[in-house]
Amino acid sequence: MLSERRPDFVEATDARTVAPELRAELTDCWVAVTNAGGAAGFPFPPVDVADVAPVVDRLVAGLAPERSRLVMARAGGALAGWVVLNRDPGRLVGHWATINHLQTHPAFRGRGIGSALVREARRIARDQLGLEQLHLAARGGEGLERFYERLGWREVGRWPGALRLGEGEGDTRDEVLMVLGLL
């Protein structure tokens, strides 16, 4: 639960609206999250700006109003966390989107930022994009299933041992597939 006031949300739908300073904030957040053990896309910490910045640049370059949106939470003027909402607007799968890279900066953990970002992404998906479902894949064994279930998501599948995080047989994690209905 938010111990302070609700964060301010900022949405980016076009690379031209993401200034270099914001790209640096996104990169710094992702480095901090990864190096703190977060499961946000870089499974082998430590990482640094040189590892993450090119990925942020590709993510930002792919922003488009109907396909990819970046939703950011700001608290006290600082970037507290962010998430990406991706969809294929084609007729077959155009009724759902995928949540990617949900992360809360470690300095803002425990304040409900992650939950608030998921709720905001849900609102955007439903109210702005007219979608019916959200999908995500989460790394098993991290407690993420419980986090998402508290927000109304349900597990719909699991790929046992899909993610290899180390050399040994015990160093694998399941990939947990989850869905959230928006109607």
Protein backbone atom coordinates (compact mmCIF):
# COMPACT_ATOMS: atom_id res chain seq x y z
CA MET A 1 0.00 0.00 0.00
CA LEU A 2 1.23 3.49 -0.70
CA SER A 3 2.60 4.98 2.46
CA GLU A 4 2.64 8.41 0.83
CA ARG A 5 0.39 10.00 -1.77
CA ARG A 6 -0.44 8.28 -5.04
CA PRO A 7 2.35 8.56 -7.63
CA ASP A 8 1.95 10.74 -10.68
CA PHE A 9 1.71 8.76 -13.91
CA VAL A 10 3.32 9.78 -17.16
CA GLU A 11 2.69 7.93 -20.40
CA ALA A 12 4.98 7.93 -23.44
CA THR A 13 3.68 6.71 -26.79
CA ASP A 14 6.33 8.13 -29.10
CA ALA A 15 10.13 8.12 -28.96
CA ARG A 16 10.21 11.88 -29.64
CA THR A 17 8.58 12.50 -26.25
CA VAL A 18 11.29 10.65 -24.31
CA ALA A 19 14.06 13.16 -23.64
CA PRO A 20 17.66 12.01 -23.09
CA GLU A 21 17.32 12.78 -19.36
CA LEU A 22 14.32 10.46 -19.13
CA ARG A 23 16.16 7.72 -21.03
CA ALA A 24 18.95 8.06 -18.46
CA GLU A 25 16.44 7.77 -15.59
CA LEU A 26 14.88 4.66 -17.17
CA THR A 27 18.32 3.13 -17.62
CA ASP A 28 19.42 3.95 -14.07
CA CYS A 29 16.20 2.46 -12.69
CA TRP A 30 16.65 -0.75 -14.69
CA VAL A 31 20.28 -1.08 -13.57
CA ALA A 32 19.28 -0.58 -9.92
CA VAL A 33 16.36 -3.04 -10.16
CA THR A 34 18.45 -5.72 -11.86
CA ASN A 35 21.39 -5.36 -9.48
CA ALA A 36 18.99 -5.58 -6.52
CA GLY A 37 17.81 -8.98 -7.83
CA GLY A 38 14.70 -7.87 -9.72
CA ALA A 39 13.33 -10.11 -12.48
CA ALA A 40 12.88 -7.35 -15.07
CA GLY A 41 14.63 -8.59 -18.19
CA PHE A 42 18.33 -8.92 -17.32
CA PRO A 43 18.70 -12.27 -15.57
CA PHE A 44 22.45 -12.13 -14.93
CA PRO A 45 23.49 -9.27 -12.65
CA PRO A 46 25.48 -7.23 -12.25
CA VAL A 47 24.65 -4.96 -15.16
CA ASP A 48 25.68 -1.39 -15.84
CA VAL A 49 24.58 1.53 -18.00
CA ALA A 50 26.49 0.16 -21.02
CA ASP A 51 24.45 -3.08 -20.83
CA VAL A 52 21.05 -1.48 -20.30
CA ALA A 53 21.09 1.79 -22.28
CA PRO A 54 20.94 0.13 -25.74
CA VAL A 55 17.95 -1.95 -24.62
CA VAL A 56 16.19 1.17 -23.33
CA ASP A 57 16.93 2.88 -26.65
CA ARG A 58 15.34 -0.03 -28.60
CA LEU A 59 12.34 -0.07 -26.27
CA VAL A 60 11.82 3.69 -26.67
CA ALA A 61 12.31 3.51 -30.45
CA GLY A 62 9.44 1.00 -30.63
CA LEU A 63 6.89 3.20 -28.89
CA ALA A 64 3.73 3.81 -30.91
CA PRO A 65 0.26 4.83 -29.64
CA GLU A 66 -1.57 1.70 -30.85
CA ARG A 67 1.28 -0.80 -30.27
CA SER A 68 3.57 0.10 -27.40
CA ARG A 69 3.25 2.44 -24.45
CA LEU A 70 5.60 3.24 -21.64
CA VAL A 71 3.86 4.00 -18.34
CA MET A 72 5.97 5.66 -15.65
CA ALA A 73 5.29 6.45 -12.00
CA ARG A 74 6.89 9.53 -10.51
CA ALA A 75 7.06 10.25 -6.79
CA GLY A 76 8.48 13.48 -5.48
CA GLY A 77 9.71 14.27 -8.99
CA ALA A 78 11.79 11.09 -9.25
CA LEU A 79 11.17 8.08 -11.46
CA ALA A 80 9.78 5.52 -9.01
CA GLY A 81 9.02 2.76 -11.53
CA TRP A 82 7.75 1.90 -14.98
CA VAL A 83 6.09 -0.74 -17.13
CA VAL A 84 5.61 -1.34 -20.85
CA LEU A 85 2.29 -2.22 -22.45
CA ASN A 86 2.74 -3.97 -25.84
CA ARG A 87 0.12 -5.15 -28.30
CA ASP A 88 -0.24 -6.40 -31.82
CA PRO A 89 -3.27 -4.55 -33.21
CA GLY A 90 -3.92 -7.29 -35.78
CA ARG A 91 -7.41 -8.75 -35.95
CA LEU A 92 -6.51 -12.15 -34.49
CA VAL A 93 -4.89 -10.90 -31.25
CA GLY A 94 -5.78 -7.21 -31.22
CA HIS A 95 -8.06 -7.61 -28.19
CA TRP A 96 -5.18 -8.14 -25.72
CA ALA A 97 -1.78 -6.71 -24.78
CA THR A 98 1.26 -7.89 -22.88
CA ILE A 99 2.78 -6.30 -19.79
CA ASN A 100 6.60 -6.21 -19.90
CA HIS A 101 9.41 -5.01 -17.63
CA LEU A 102 7.37 -3.96 -14.60
CA GLN A 103 9.85 -2.50 -12.16
CA THR A 104 9.99 -0.32 -9.08
CA HIS A 105 13.20 1.48 -8.21
CA PRO A 106 14.61 -0.08 -5.01
CA ALA A 107 14.45 3.32 -3.27
CA PHE A 108 10.65 3.23 -3.69
CA ARG A 109 9.93 -0.42 -2.82
CA GLY A 110 7.20 -1.16 -0.34
CA ARG A 111 5.15 1.92 -1.26
CA GLY A 112 2.73 0.24 -3.68
CA ILE A 113 4.35 1.66 -6.81
CA GLY A 114 4.35 -1.68 -8.65
CA SER A 115 0.69 -2.30 -7.85
CA ALA A 116 -0.21 1.24 -8.87
CA LEU A 117 1.62 0.79 -12.19
CA VAL A 118 -0.25 -2.44 -12.93
CA ARG A 119 -3.57 -0.75 -12.14
CA GLU A 120 -2.67 2.22 -14.37
CA ALA A 121 -1.63 -0.09 -17.24
CA ARG A 122 -4.94 -1.91 -16.81
CA ARG A 123 -6.85 1.39 -16.97
CA ILE A 124 -5.00 2.46 -20.12
CA ALA A 125 -5.53 -0.92 -21.77
CA ARG A 126 -9.25 -0.92 -21.02
CA ASP A 127 -10.18 2.76 -21.33
CA GLN A 128 -7.81 4.05 -24.00
CA LEU A 129 -7.12 0.95 -26.10
CA GLY A 130 -10.44 -0.85 -25.60
CA LEU A 131 -8.71 -4.15 -24.79
CA GLU A 132 -10.28 -7.21 -23.18
CA GLN A 133 -7.23 -8.92 -21.63
CA LEU A 134 -3.70 -8.41 -20.45
CA HIS A 135 -1.06 -11.17 -20.56
CA LEU A 136 2.32 -11.53 -18.92
CA ALA A 137 5.08 -14.05 -18.31
CA ALA A 138 6.71 -13.96 -14.88
CA ARG A 139 9.78 -15.73 -13.54
CA GLY A 140 8.67 -18.46 -11.14
CA GLY A 141 10.19 -18.84 -7.72
CA GLU A 142 10.32 -15.10 -7.03
CA GLY A 143 6.89 -14.62 -5.42
CA LEU A 144 5.62 -12.78 -8.48
CA GLU A 145 2.62 -15.07 -8.91
CA ARG A 146 1.24 -13.97 -5.51
CA PHE A 147 1.89 -10.31 -6.31
CA TYR A 148 -0.08 -10.50 -9.55
CA GLU A 149 -2.83 -12.72 -8.08
CA ARG A 150 -3.50 -10.03 -5.44
CA LEU A 151 -4.15 -7.67 -8.36
CA GLY A 152 -6.68 -10.01 -9.99
CA TRP A 153 -4.42 -11.94 -12.38
CA ARG A 154 -4.69 -15.72 -12.72
CA GLU A 155 -2.16 -18.28 -13.78
CA VAL A 156 -3.10 -19.95 -17.08
CA GLY A 157 0.05 -21.93 -17.79
CA ARG A 158 3.58 -22.74 -16.78
CA TRP A 159 6.67 -23.72 -18.75
CA PRO A 160 8.64 -25.89 -16.30
CA GLY A 161 12.36 -25.12 -16.23
CA ALA A 162 12.06 -22.65 -19.12
CA LEU A 163 14.55 -20.19 -17.64
CA ARG A 164 18.13 -21.28 -16.93
CA LEU A 165 19.72 -18.91 -14.44
CA GLY A 166 22.84 -20.94 -13.71
CA GLU A 167 24.85 -24.01 -14.61
CA GLY A 168 23.14 -26.61 -12.41
CA GLU A 169 19.85 -28.42 -12.82
CA GLY A 170 18.46 -26.59 -9.78
CA ASP A 171 19.27 -23.26 -11.38
CA THR A 172 16.16 -23.18 -13.54
CA ARG A 173 12.89 -21.37 -13.00
CA ASP A 174 9.47 -21.90 -14.47
CA GLU A 175 8.02 -19.24 -16.70
CA VAL A 176 4.55 -18.51 -15.36
CA LEU A 177 1.92 -17.34 -17.84
CA MET A 178 -0.79 -15.11 -16.42
CA VAL A 179 -3.87 -13.31 -17.71
CA LEU A 180 -6.07 -10.49 -16.45
CA GLY A 181 -9.56 -9.94 -17.84
CA LEU A 182 -10.48 -6.30 -18.35
CA LEU A 183 -14.21 -6.54 -18.95
